Each structure stands twice: as structure tokens, then as C-alpha cells.
């Protein structure tokens, strides 16, 4: 007996039906290894069929009236909201993420669906004064935004439902058919969301194939992103995979959200208690498996001893254990391979001269909340995205040095600074080479309606319904001589 009985048909939602999957695979609860459910697994032929179906309905999807697109998204939101608790529990089981974080994920998914529905009403163009040139006298000019075409949305395992919603909802709002590919380990909640949206499409008399889902390995993804009929690819995941997708998909437009090693800077005038609270909240939520979790704490020497002392005194507040317990903040990572990698990275850092101030061990399969000090450049625990409940603290002489350390990274997604100075806050906003600067809050803060994305190896393009819709549409200029 599995832990979850799917409330949607067997197979994969492709075209206007659920088609048999060529294989199935168990979805495993990371906490204890039990089987959550058997999930359908697609192959290259399945992926190509989904692209064919998306291309076939692209014009019909683009022609759907605004009121219908808005109504379908709103209906999907309402249907999900009525099953909110079930979605939360399912996310815990398939991702192993603590319940508190899964509750946040469902809440944010609902915001994303609602905001995407609202943005349909804001999809418009402008007139252009063509007569700024004498040759344009007598001409009328305006532009509109048109759908870019079929979209392939590939989501990561850490926030599977939320990441999929950021692909699915803006694509449909823009008038694009979308094929969602969830991570192989976490397809269940996304399958359910897709099912609810396809039901809403059917009730509205719209093409059900406007929203499809394909599971499978990297070859399945490659079959879709390399198809020249695809208008855009939106990917959330590792930098290495994102770079490969960008190369393989060229010249198709690619939107990449590739993670980071996010920094939190503590200035000499910072509220130390607030900074420590942010490190505890921002470094260990979702068991550290978040691309904007606090990984690097860069503290000015004047307050370094106070901060590390307070951090060590409070690290015990981070509760580890069963992710189904509302009190748990850190549970097992997605699989044992991830745990082994992180343990290896900690060992490499210590060999290179770092010290372990707290944690650093594995207890009942859970990486204990870890604080490292003096992790040198050139070690993975500092340079790369660790994606685990591990925070590294480095002491620097002043703010100039702190900002230099933040920028001396191939990543640039979010960074935060704790300070009481408005001048320092604006200096950080001007200086830090990241997609978002957060002042006196965790770098992991993200409102789903804001533009979200990074620079450098943290990606290209922006998410957030309004901004994703702009990315997934193209301007079409109209030039008319009325006479």
C-alpha cells in the first residue's frame, strides 16, 4: 500500500487525454525510504508527442480571449485552494521538506496562480509616434505583445509545485501552450496541479493540450528543448545543467534560474540579534535546499565575535527530525547521494583550513545544522551552491572588503546586508552584483510577484508573473498609413 493515492488518472497528461506511460517508478519519501506512490515515466517518444500536441494547439491557445485565460487560471487557483492541506502533506512526502516549508510553498503557489490570472488584464501594448521622422508623417504606429509559442518549463525538486507554477501559469496567461517537466524525484503534486488546470480548460471549452506534463530523464528534456518549434525554455536547476540546456537549445530563447551561494553581510552597525535570527531562518529553511538560502555570512571584524558567539548559542533552536512534524526545520536531504556530497564538501573545507563551529555530522541520516568558519576560496563549500543546512562565516576588516567578497563569486542571485545606515543600504544596492539586494532581512525573501532572477552564473531572464509574461511574449509592431 502506497502513502498517496493519486486523485488524477494514470499515465501522462498529453494532448487532450491521459496517455499510458512507457514505464513507472516509485517516488520515495526521503525521511524513511517508504514508497509514496508509483509515478509515470515518459521517454523520448512521449516528449516528441507532447511537442507535436503543443504545436498543434499553439494558434488556438494564442487566440483564447483574455477573460477565458483569466478564468481558467482563477479556477485552477480555487481548485488547489480547496485541497490545500492535501497538497501540503503530499509535498512533505515526495520532497522530504519540512511541513512548515511545504505550507509556505502551497501558499506561494496560490499567489502565483492568482497573480498570473490578474496579469492577463495587463497584457497590452502602446502607440508609437512614428512622425518623429518626416518620413513617418501620416503613419499610425502601435505595438502589441504576442505569445512566443510553445514553452517547455523544467522545474527542480526543492520547490516542485511552486517552480512548476512559475512556468505553467505565466505561459498560459501569455497565450502559450506549455509542457511542464518536473524533477524525476518529485512529480506527484505537479501532476495533480496540471490535472486541475486541464479540468478547468475542459470546462471552459479551451484546448486541454495547452497544458501538458512529461516526466523522464535528461534525454526526455533534451528532446523537447532541442526542438526548433519550441518558442522558449524556462529552466530552474543547477548551473551546469542550465548551461548545457542553453547550448543545446540555441537559438531558442532560454530563461535560466540557476541558484547561488547567497551572502549575508553584517555591518558594524547591524542589529546583531536580528542578523543571527536571519541566519537561523535563512540558512536552514527547507533543510538548506533553497537557491537563496544563506550560505556565506560575511561579517565585519568589529562585531564578528559577538555574532559568532550569539550564533553558536542559538544554533540549537534549529529543530531536526521528521519533516511531518510542524516543529522540524531540518530533515533529510532529497537522497543519500546529496547527503554524501555535502559531507564530502565539509571534509574538504576542513582539510583546506576551515573549522567546524557547530554541527558537521550526520545524525539518523540528517545533516546537523552546520556552521563553518574560515572556509577558503577555492573550496566547494564556499565557491559553489551547497544546497544543504550549512552556513560558512568569514570575517573581513570593513564593508569595502565585505562587498568585494560578495562580488568575488561566479554567482549573483540574491544577497542581503544588515545595517542601521540608509547610506550603507543604498551603497549595497548600487554595489552588489546580484539580481536582488535585501536589506535587514534574509536573502531568501521572495515575493512571487516581484522580478526574480540572477546575474552571472545565476542565470538569465526574470520570473514573477508580470515579468515572465514579458519574457514569453514578443512585440509585434503595426505601421499603418490610413489613406
Protein backbone atom coordinates (compact mmCIF):
# COMPACT_ATOMS: atom_id res chain seq x y z
CA UNK A 1 0.00 0.00 0.00
CA UNK A 2 1.47 3.35 -1.04
CA UNK A 3 1.23 6.51 1.07
CA UNK A 4 -0.63 8.52 -1.59
CA UNK A 5 -3.49 7.54 -3.85
CA UNK A 6 -3.39 9.89 -6.88
CA UNK A 7 -6.68 11.77 -7.44
CA UNK A 8 -5.91 12.01 -11.15
CA UNK A 9 -5.84 9.42 -13.97
CA UNK A 10 -2.96 7.04 -14.58
CA UNK A 11 -0.45 7.88 -17.27
CA UNK A 12 0.73 11.26 -18.53
CA UNK A 13 -1.42 14.31 -19.46
CA UNK A 14 -0.54 14.67 -23.14
CA UNK A 15 -2.72 16.07 -25.87
CA UNK A 16 -6.35 16.05 -24.83
CA UNK A 17 -6.12 12.82 -22.79
CA UNK A 18 -4.03 10.88 -20.29
CA UNK A 19 -1.87 8.50 -22.28
CA UNK A 20 -0.23 5.35 -20.91
CA UNK A 21 3.32 5.93 -19.73
CA UNK A 22 6.01 3.61 -21.10
CA UNK A 23 7.22 2.95 -17.53
CA UNK A 24 6.63 3.79 -13.89
CA UNK A 25 8.99 4.45 -11.00
CA UNK A 26 8.44 4.73 -7.25
CA UNK A 27 8.54 8.15 -5.61
CA UNK A 28 10.39 7.73 -2.31
CA UNK A 29 9.80 9.56 0.99
CA UNK A 30 13.36 10.75 1.77
CA UNK A 31 12.83 10.53 5.53
CA UNK A 32 12.34 6.79 5.79
CA UNK A 33 12.63 5.38 2.27
CA UNK A 34 8.99 4.30 2.02
CA UNK A 35 7.15 4.43 -1.30
CA UNK A 36 4.84 7.43 -1.66
CA UNK A 37 3.35 6.32 -4.98
CA UNK A 38 4.32 4.97 -8.37
CA UNK A 39 4.77 7.79 -10.88
CA UNK A 40 4.55 7.62 -14.69
CA UNK A 41 7.85 7.92 -16.51
CA UNK A 42 7.99 9.21 -20.08
CA UNK A 43 10.54 8.64 -22.81
CA UNK A 44 11.80 10.49 -25.89
CA UNK A 45 8.82 9.40 -27.98
CA UNK A 46 6.47 10.72 -25.30
CA UNK A 47 8.30 14.04 -25.25
CA UNK A 48 8.10 14.41 -29.01
CA UNK A 49 4.41 13.63 -28.96
CA UNK A 50 3.87 16.35 -26.35
CA UNK A 51 5.72 18.88 -28.52
CA UNK A 52 3.61 17.88 -31.53
CA UNK A 53 0.46 18.42 -29.49
CA UNK A 54 1.64 21.80 -28.20
CA UNK A 55 2.48 22.98 -31.70
CA UNK A 56 -0.92 21.79 -32.93
CA UNK A 57 -2.79 23.94 -30.38
CA UNK A 58 -0.44 26.94 -30.37
CA UNK A 59 -2.65 29.13 -32.58
CA UNK A 60 -5.82 28.18 -30.76
CA UNK A 61 -4.18 28.89 -27.39
CA UNK A 62 -2.91 32.26 -28.61
CA UNK A 63 -6.42 33.14 -29.80
CA UNK A 64 -8.12 32.40 -26.46
CA UNK A 65 -9.83 35.55 -25.17
CA UNK A 66 -8.38 37.26 -22.13
CA UNK A 67 -11.43 36.59 -19.98
CA UNK A 68 -11.14 32.85 -20.60
CA UNK A 69 -7.42 32.68 -19.80
CA UNK A 70 -8.02 34.63 -16.62
CA UNK A 71 -10.99 32.42 -15.66
CA UNK A 72 -9.03 29.18 -16.19
CA UNK A 73 -6.17 30.36 -14.01
CA UNK A 74 -8.57 31.56 -11.33
CA UNK A 75 -10.43 28.24 -11.42
CA UNK A 76 -7.13 26.37 -11.03
CA UNK A 77 -6.29 28.55 -8.04
CA UNK A 78 -9.68 27.87 -6.44
CA UNK A 79 -9.45 24.12 -7.03
CA UNK A 80 -6.00 23.96 -5.47
CA UNK A 81 -7.07 26.08 -2.52
CA UNK A 82 -9.84 23.59 -1.77
CA UNK A 83 -7.19 20.85 -1.45
CA UNK A 84 -4.59 22.97 0.29
CA UNK A 85 -3.81 20.64 3.20
CA UNK A 86 -3.57 17.60 0.92
CA UNK A 87 -1.06 19.39 -1.32
CA UNK A 88 1.00 20.36 1.74
CA UNK A 89 1.12 16.79 3.02
CA UNK A 90 1.97 15.41 -0.42
CA UNK A 91 4.87 17.84 -0.82
CA UNK A 92 6.30 16.69 2.51
CA UNK A 93 6.18 13.08 1.35
CA UNK A 94 7.73 13.46 -2.09
CA UNK A 95 10.32 16.14 -1.29
CA UNK A 96 11.09 15.30 2.35
CA UNK A 97 10.97 19.01 3.06
CA UNK A 98 9.68 20.15 6.48
CA UNK A 99 5.93 20.75 6.71
CA UNK A 100 6.39 24.41 7.59
CA UNK A 101 8.19 24.97 4.27
CA UNK A 102 5.62 22.96 2.30
CA UNK A 103 2.86 25.11 3.74
CA UNK A 104 4.76 28.16 2.52
CA UNK A 105 5.21 26.56 -0.89
CA UNK A 106 1.50 25.93 -1.38
CA UNK A 107 0.65 29.45 -0.21
CA UNK A 108 3.12 30.92 -2.69
CA UNK A 109 1.83 28.69 -5.50
CA UNK A 110 -1.65 30.05 -4.91
CA UNK A 111 -0.31 33.61 -5.04
CA UNK A 112 1.45 32.81 -8.33
CA UNK A 113 -1.73 31.44 -9.91
CA UNK A 114 -3.79 34.40 -8.69
CA UNK A 115 -1.22 36.94 -9.85
CA UNK A 116 -0.94 35.28 -13.26
CA UNK A 117 -4.72 35.47 -13.65
CA UNK A 118 -4.61 39.18 -12.82
CA UNK A 119 -1.74 39.88 -15.21
CA UNK A 120 -3.86 38.71 -18.16
CA UNK A 121 -5.69 42.04 -17.89
CA UNK A 122 -2.40 43.94 -18.12
CA UNK A 123 -1.09 42.35 -21.30
CA UNK A 124 -1.22 45.23 -23.78
CA UNK A 125 0.89 47.45 -25.99
CA UNK A 126 1.37 51.15 -26.77
CA UNK A 127 1.20 53.64 -29.58
CA UNK A 128 4.43 54.94 -31.12
CA UNK A 129 4.97 58.48 -32.52
CA UNK A 130 6.25 57.48 -35.95
CA UNK A 131 6.24 61.09 -37.18
CA UNK A 132 9.35 61.94 -35.18
CA UNK A 133 10.92 61.29 -38.58
CA UNK A 134 9.50 63.28 -41.53
CA UNK A 135 9.05 60.01 -43.42
CA UNK A 136 6.63 58.90 -40.70
CA UNK A 137 4.17 61.76 -41.17
CA UNK A 138 0.68 60.44 -41.69
CA UNK A 139 1.53 56.98 -40.31
CA UNK A 140 -0.12 55.40 -37.28
CA UNK A 141 2.03 53.06 -35.21
CA UNK A 142 1.35 50.78 -32.27
CA UNK A 143 2.71 47.56 -30.87
CA UNK A 144 1.10 44.60 -29.15
CA UNK A 145 2.55 41.62 -27.30
CA UNK A 146 2.06 38.20 -28.91
CA UNK A 147 2.78 34.73 -27.48
CA UNK A 148 6.28 33.45 -28.17
CA UNK A 149 4.96 29.95 -28.93
CA UNK A 150 5.10 26.61 -27.10
CA UNK A 151 7.03 26.75 -23.83
CA UNK A 152 8.97 23.96 -22.12
CA UNK A 153 9.15 24.52 -18.35
CA UNK A 154 11.63 22.38 -16.39
CA UNK A 155 11.43 22.54 -12.60
CA UNK A 156 13.74 21.48 -9.76
CA UNK A 157 12.97 19.12 -6.90
CA UNK A 158 13.31 21.51 -3.99
CA UNK A 159 10.11 23.53 -4.57
CA UNK A 160 8.47 21.33 -7.22
CA UNK A 161 4.95 22.75 -7.14
CA UNK A 162 5.94 26.41 -6.87
CA UNK A 163 8.59 26.21 -9.57
CA UNK A 164 6.18 24.43 -11.92
CA UNK A 165 3.52 27.08 -11.29
CA UNK A 166 6.01 29.80 -12.28
CA UNK A 167 6.40 28.01 -15.63
CA UNK A 168 2.80 26.95 -16.22
CA UNK A 169 0.72 29.93 -15.15
CA UNK A 170 2.60 32.81 -16.87
CA UNK A 171 2.94 30.75 -20.05
CA UNK A 172 -0.80 30.20 -20.29
CA UNK A 173 -1.52 33.80 -19.25
CA UNK A 174 0.66 34.90 -22.19
CA UNK A 175 -1.26 32.64 -24.58
CA UNK A 176 1.45 30.00 -24.91
CA UNK A 177 0.88 26.24 -24.65
CA UNK A 178 3.24 24.84 -22.02
CA UNK A 179 4.84 21.45 -21.37
CA UNK A 180 5.99 21.05 -17.77
CA UNK A 181 8.77 18.62 -16.90
CA UNK A 182 9.10 18.09 -13.14
CA UNK A 183 12.17 16.64 -11.48
CA UNK A 184 12.06 12.83 -11.56
CA UNK A 185 12.04 12.61 -7.76
CA UNK A 186 9.09 14.98 -7.23
CA UNK A 187 6.37 14.74 -9.92
CA UNK A 188 3.25 14.00 -7.88
CA UNK A 189 1.99 17.38 -6.65
CA UNK A 190 2.74 18.90 -10.06
CA UNK A 191 0.77 16.16 -11.82
CA UNK A 192 -2.17 16.98 -9.58
CA UNK A 193 -1.92 20.72 -10.30
CA UNK A 194 -1.73 20.05 -14.05
CA UNK A 195 -4.79 17.81 -13.78
CA UNK A 196 -6.77 20.56 -12.05
CA UNK A 197 -5.83 23.08 -14.72
CA UNK A 198 -6.70 20.71 -17.55
CA UNK A 199 -10.10 20.16 -15.93
CA UNK A 200 -10.57 23.93 -15.85
CA UNK A 201 -9.58 24.13 -19.53
CA UNK A 202 -12.08 21.43 -20.46
CA UNK A 203 -14.90 23.19 -18.58
CA UNK A 204 -14.05 26.42 -20.39
CA UNK A 205 -14.07 24.75 -23.80
CA UNK A 206 -10.38 25.55 -24.32
CA UNK A 207 -7.74 23.20 -25.77
CA UNK A 208 -6.75 20.85 -22.96
CA UNK A 209 -3.40 20.29 -24.68
CA UNK A 210 -2.50 23.88 -23.83
CA UNK A 211 -1.09 22.43 -20.58
CA UNK A 212 0.79 19.11 -20.62
CA UNK A 213 3.29 17.27 -18.44
CA UNK A 214 6.11 14.90 -19.35
CA UNK A 215 8.35 13.07 -16.90
CA UNK A 216 11.64 11.35 -17.56
CA UNK A 217 15.41 11.69 -17.67
CA UNK A 218 17.73 14.21 -19.32
CA UNK A 219 17.16 12.67 -22.76
CA UNK A 220 13.45 13.43 -22.44
CA UNK A 221 14.22 17.04 -21.63
CA UNK A 222 16.73 17.29 -24.45
CA UNK A 223 14.19 16.01 -26.98
CA UNK A 224 11.96 18.96 -26.12
CA UNK A 225 14.45 21.80 -25.68
CA UNK A 226 16.23 21.00 -28.95
CA UNK A 227 13.02 21.03 -30.98
CA UNK A 228 13.13 24.17 -33.11
CA UNK A 229 9.35 24.57 -32.88
CA UNK A 230 9.62 25.47 -29.19
CA UNK A 231 9.33 29.20 -28.55
CA UNK A 232 11.07 29.34 -25.17
CA UNK A 233 12.59 27.12 -22.50
CA UNK A 234 12.30 28.07 -18.82
CA UNK A 235 14.59 26.08 -16.52
CA UNK A 236 15.22 26.10 -12.78
CA UNK A 237 18.10 23.98 -11.55
CA UNK A 238 21.87 23.72 -11.40
CA UNK A 239 24.24 25.95 -13.34
CA UNK A 240 25.88 23.01 -15.11
CA UNK A 241 22.58 21.69 -16.43
CA UNK A 242 21.32 25.17 -17.28
CA UNK A 243 24.41 25.94 -19.32
CA UNK A 244 24.01 22.70 -21.24
CA UNK A 245 20.36 23.46 -21.95
CA UNK A 246 21.27 26.93 -23.22
CA UNK A 247 23.84 25.46 -25.61
CA UNK A 248 21.58 22.67 -26.79
CA UNK A 249 18.51 24.89 -27.22
CA UNK A 250 20.19 27.72 -29.16
CA UNK A 251 18.87 29.78 -30.87
CA UNK A 252 15.62 29.21 -28.92
CA UNK A 253 15.08 31.73 -26.13
CA UNK A 254 16.12 30.33 -22.75
CA UNK A 255 15.24 31.62 -19.27
CA UNK A 256 17.53 30.25 -16.57
CA UNK A 257 17.27 30.39 -12.77
CA UNK A 258 20.41 28.61 -11.67
CA UNK A 259 20.91 29.10 -7.97
CA UNK A 260 23.66 30.75 -5.98
CA UNK A 261 25.84 30.75 -2.86
CA UNK A 262 23.93 33.64 -1.33
CA UNK A 263 25.72 36.01 1.03
CA UNK A 264 24.52 37.84 4.13
CA UNK A 265 26.70 40.81 5.08
CA UNK A 266 26.78 42.01 8.70
CA UNK A 267 27.95 45.63 9.01
CA UNK A 268 29.50 47.05 12.18
CA UNK A 269 26.29 48.95 12.98
CA UNK A 270 23.98 45.95 12.43
CA UNK A 271 21.42 44.68 14.89
CA UNK A 272 23.33 41.51 15.78
CA UNK A 273 20.34 39.68 17.24
CA UNK A 274 18.34 40.36 14.08
CA UNK A 275 21.25 39.20 11.91
CA UNK A 276 21.60 35.95 13.88
CA UNK A 277 17.86 35.39 13.64
CA UNK A 278 18.10 35.85 9.87
CA UNK A 279 20.98 33.38 9.60
CA UNK A 280 19.00 30.77 11.54
CA UNK A 281 15.84 31.35 9.49
CA UNK A 282 17.56 31.91 6.16
CA UNK A 283 20.30 29.31 6.34
CA UNK A 284 18.31 26.26 7.38
CA UNK A 285 14.79 26.57 5.96
CA UNK A 286 13.85 23.78 3.55
CA UNK A 287 16.83 21.90 5.05
CA UNK A 288 19.04 24.41 3.23
CA UNK A 289 17.78 23.18 -0.15
CA UNK A 290 16.93 26.63 -1.49
CA UNK A 291 18.89 28.61 -4.05
CA UNK A 292 18.70 31.82 -2.00
CA UNK A 293 19.32 30.25 1.41
CA UNK A 294 22.09 31.90 3.45
CA UNK A 295 25.33 30.11 2.60
CA UNK A 296 28.01 32.76 3.16
CA UNK A 297 27.96 35.07 6.19
CA UNK A 298 30.44 37.91 5.75
CA UNK A 299 30.85 39.86 8.98
CA UNK A 300 32.89 42.98 9.69
CA UNK A 301 35.62 42.24 12.27
CA UNK A 302 34.35 44.79 14.78
CA UNK A 303 31.25 42.67 15.52
CA UNK A 304 32.45 39.22 14.42
CA UNK A 305 32.98 37.80 17.93
CA UNK A 306 29.54 38.95 19.09
CA UNK A 307 27.87 37.42 16.05
CA UNK A 308 29.61 34.04 16.19
CA UNK A 309 29.03 33.77 19.93
CA UNK A 310 25.32 34.52 19.54
CA UNK A 311 25.03 32.17 16.56
CA UNK A 312 26.65 29.29 18.44
CA UNK A 313 24.40 29.92 21.43
CA UNK A 314 21.24 29.74 19.33
CA UNK A 315 22.06 27.04 16.75
CA UNK A 316 20.29 24.51 18.94
CA UNK A 317 16.99 26.24 18.17
CA UNK A 318 17.02 24.66 14.72
CA UNK A 319 14.96 21.50 15.21
CA UNK A 320 15.88 18.42 13.17
CA UNK A 321 13.86 15.28 12.56
CA UNK A 322 10.69 14.05 10.87
CA UNK A 323 9.56 16.57 8.22
CA UNK A 324 5.92 15.82 9.04
CA UNK A 325 6.39 17.41 12.48
CA UNK A 326 5.43 21.12 12.35
CA UNK A 327 8.38 21.92 14.63
CA UNK A 328 11.01 20.43 12.29
CA UNK A 329 13.19 22.84 10.35
CA UNK A 330 15.88 20.47 9.01
CA UNK A 331 15.19 16.96 7.74
CA UNK A 332 16.98 14.55 5.42
CA UNK A 333 18.07 15.86 2.03
CA UNK A 334 16.39 14.63 -1.12
CA UNK A 335 18.55 11.47 -1.24
CA UNK A 336 21.62 9.83 0.25
CA UNK A 337 23.81 10.93 -2.67
CA UNK A 338 23.14 14.57 -1.78
CA UNK A 339 24.00 13.89 1.86
CA UNK A 340 27.25 12.13 0.91
CA UNK A 341 28.23 15.05 -1.34
CA UNK A 342 27.68 17.61 1.42
CA UNK A 343 29.59 15.54 3.97
CA UNK A 344 32.46 15.36 1.46
CA UNK A 345 32.38 19.12 0.89
CA UNK A 346 32.54 19.76 4.65
CA UNK A 347 35.52 17.42 4.90
CA UNK A 348 37.26 19.18 2.02
CA UNK A 349 36.72 22.55 3.69
CA UNK A 350 38.21 21.32 6.98
CA UNK A 351 41.20 19.85 5.15
CA UNK A 352 41.70 23.24 3.47
CA UNK A 353 41.83 25.00 6.85
CA UNK A 354 38.21 25.64 7.86
CA UNK A 355 36.91 24.87 11.33
CA UNK A 356 33.52 23.49 12.34
CA UNK A 357 31.85 25.77 14.88
CA UNK A 358 28.65 23.72 15.08
CA UNK A 359 27.18 20.58 13.53
CA UNK A 360 29.10 19.00 10.72
CA UNK A 361 27.86 15.48 11.40
CA UNK A 362 25.07 13.24 10.14
CA UNK A 363 22.58 12.00 12.73
CA UNK A 364 19.94 9.47 11.67
CA UNK A 365 20.55 10.48 8.07
CA UNK A 366 20.09 14.20 8.79
CA UNK A 367 22.94 16.69 8.36
CA UNK A 368 23.00 18.56 11.66
CA UNK A 369 22.73 22.35 11.25
CA UNK A 370 26.30 23.30 10.49
CA UNK A 371 28.36 26.45 10.92
CA UNK A 372 31.81 26.59 9.34
CA UNK A 373 34.45 29.28 9.85
CA UNK A 374 37.38 30.40 7.71
CA UNK A 375 36.38 28.42 4.62
CA UNK A 376 38.92 29.50 1.98
CA UNK A 377 38.28 30.44 -1.61
CA UNK A 378 38.69 27.50 -3.94
CA UNK A 379 36.68 25.10 -1.79
CA UNK A 380 33.25 23.92 -2.91
CA UNK A 381 31.60 24.77 0.42
CA UNK A 382 32.38 28.45 -0.27
CA UNK A 383 32.52 28.73 -4.06
CA UNK A 384 29.61 26.51 -5.09
CA UNK A 385 25.97 26.10 -4.10
CA UNK A 386 25.99 23.65 -1.18
CA UNK A 387 22.18 23.17 -1.08
CA UNK A 388 22.22 21.90 2.50
CA UNK A 389 21.92 23.17 6.10
CA UNK A 390 25.48 24.53 6.07
CA UNK A 391 26.49 28.15 6.67
CA UNK A 392 30.06 29.46 6.33
CA UNK A 393 31.22 32.54 8.27
CA UNK A 394 34.08 34.76 7.12
CA UNK A 395 35.45 37.79 8.96
CA UNK A 396 36.54 40.84 6.93
CA UNK A 397 38.05 44.18 8.03
CA UNK A 398 35.36 46.50 6.65
CA UNK A 399 32.38 46.92 4.34
CA UNK A 400 34.54 47.50 1.28
CA UNK A 401 36.10 44.10 1.80
CA UNK A 402 32.69 42.54 2.52
CA UNK A 403 31.16 43.76 -0.73
CA UNK A 404 34.27 42.66 -2.61
CA UNK A 405 33.90 39.14 -1.19
CA UNK A 406 30.22 39.02 -2.18
CA UNK A 407 31.05 40.00 -5.74
CA UNK A 408 34.04 37.65 -5.99
CA UNK A 409 31.77 34.79 -6.97
CA UNK A 410 30.56 33.33 -10.23
CA UNK A 411 27.03 33.53 -8.82
CA UNK A 412 24.76 36.52 -8.28
CA UNK A 413 21.17 35.76 -7.33
CA UNK A 414 20.34 37.42 -4.00
CA UNK A 415 22.42 38.97 -1.23
CA UNK A 416 21.47 40.76 1.95
CA UNK A 417 23.07 43.32 4.23
CA UNK A 418 22.28 44.06 7.85
CA UNK A 419 22.85 47.67 8.79
CA UNK A 420 21.23 50.62 10.55
CA UNK A 421 22.60 53.03 7.93
CA UNK A 422 20.47 54.10 5.00
CA UNK A 423 23.67 55.14 3.21
CA UNK A 424 25.07 51.62 3.59
CA UNK A 425 21.82 50.12 2.36
CA UNK A 426 21.86 52.18 -0.84
CA UNK A 427 25.56 51.53 -1.27
CA UNK A 428 24.84 47.80 -1.17
CA UNK A 429 22.07 48.20 -3.73
CA UNK A 430 24.47 50.08 -6.02
CA UNK A 431 27.50 47.83 -5.46
CA UNK A 432 26.44 44.20 -5.11
CA UNK A 433 26.40 42.24 -8.38
CA UNK A 434 23.21 40.27 -7.81
CA UNK A 435 19.65 40.13 -9.06
CA UNK A 436 18.23 41.24 -5.72
CA UNK A 437 19.60 43.12 -2.69
CA UNK A 438 17.73 42.60 0.58
CA UNK A 439 18.30 44.97 3.50
CA UNK A 440 17.76 43.74 7.08
CA UNK A 441 16.05 40.52 6.00
CA UNK A 442 17.11 37.11 4.74
CA UNK A 443 18.45 36.90 1.16
CA UNK A 444 15.87 34.13 0.75
CA UNK A 445 13.00 36.61 0.77
CA UNK A 446 11.00 36.34 -2.44
CA UNK A 447 7.57 37.74 -3.14
CA UNK A 448 6.23 35.82 -6.12
CA UNK A 449 5.04 38.99 -7.88
CA UNK A 450 8.45 40.65 -7.95
CA UNK A 451 11.05 40.27 -10.71
CA UNK A 452 13.21 37.33 -9.66
CA UNK A 453 16.40 36.11 -11.25
CA UNK A 454 20.15 36.49 -11.20
CA UNK A 455 23.26 37.66 -12.99
CA UNK A 456 26.47 35.87 -13.92
CA UNK A 457 26.12 32.10 -13.46
CA UNK A 458 22.90 32.53 -11.51
CA UNK A 459 21.02 32.78 -14.77
CA UNK A 460 19.29 35.00 -17.27
CA UNK A 461 15.76 36.35 -17.53
CA UNK A 462 13.24 37.06 -14.80
CA UNK A 463 10.36 35.22 -13.18
CA UNK A 464 7.32 36.64 -11.41
CA UNK A 465 4.09 36.57 -13.46
CA UNK A 466 4.33 40.07 -14.94
CA UNK A 467 7.99 39.68 -15.86
CA UNK A 468 7.72 36.09 -17.06
CA UNK A 469 4.84 37.07 -19.33
CA UNK A 470 7.02 39.77 -20.85
CA UNK A 471 9.76 37.17 -21.40
CA UNK A 472 7.27 34.77 -23.02
CA UNK A 473 5.79 37.28 -25.44
CA UNK A 474 7.25 39.20 -28.36
CA UNK A 475 6.34 42.65 -29.60
CA UNK A 476 4.59 42.93 -32.91
CA UNK A 477 4.75 46.37 -34.48
CA UNK A 478 1.88 47.66 -36.59
CA UNK A 479 2.57 50.53 -39.04
CA UNK A 480 -0.46 51.87 -40.90
CA UNK A 481 -0.95 54.60 -43.49
CA UNK A 482 -4.69 55.18 -43.13
CA UNK A 483 -5.17 56.79 -46.55
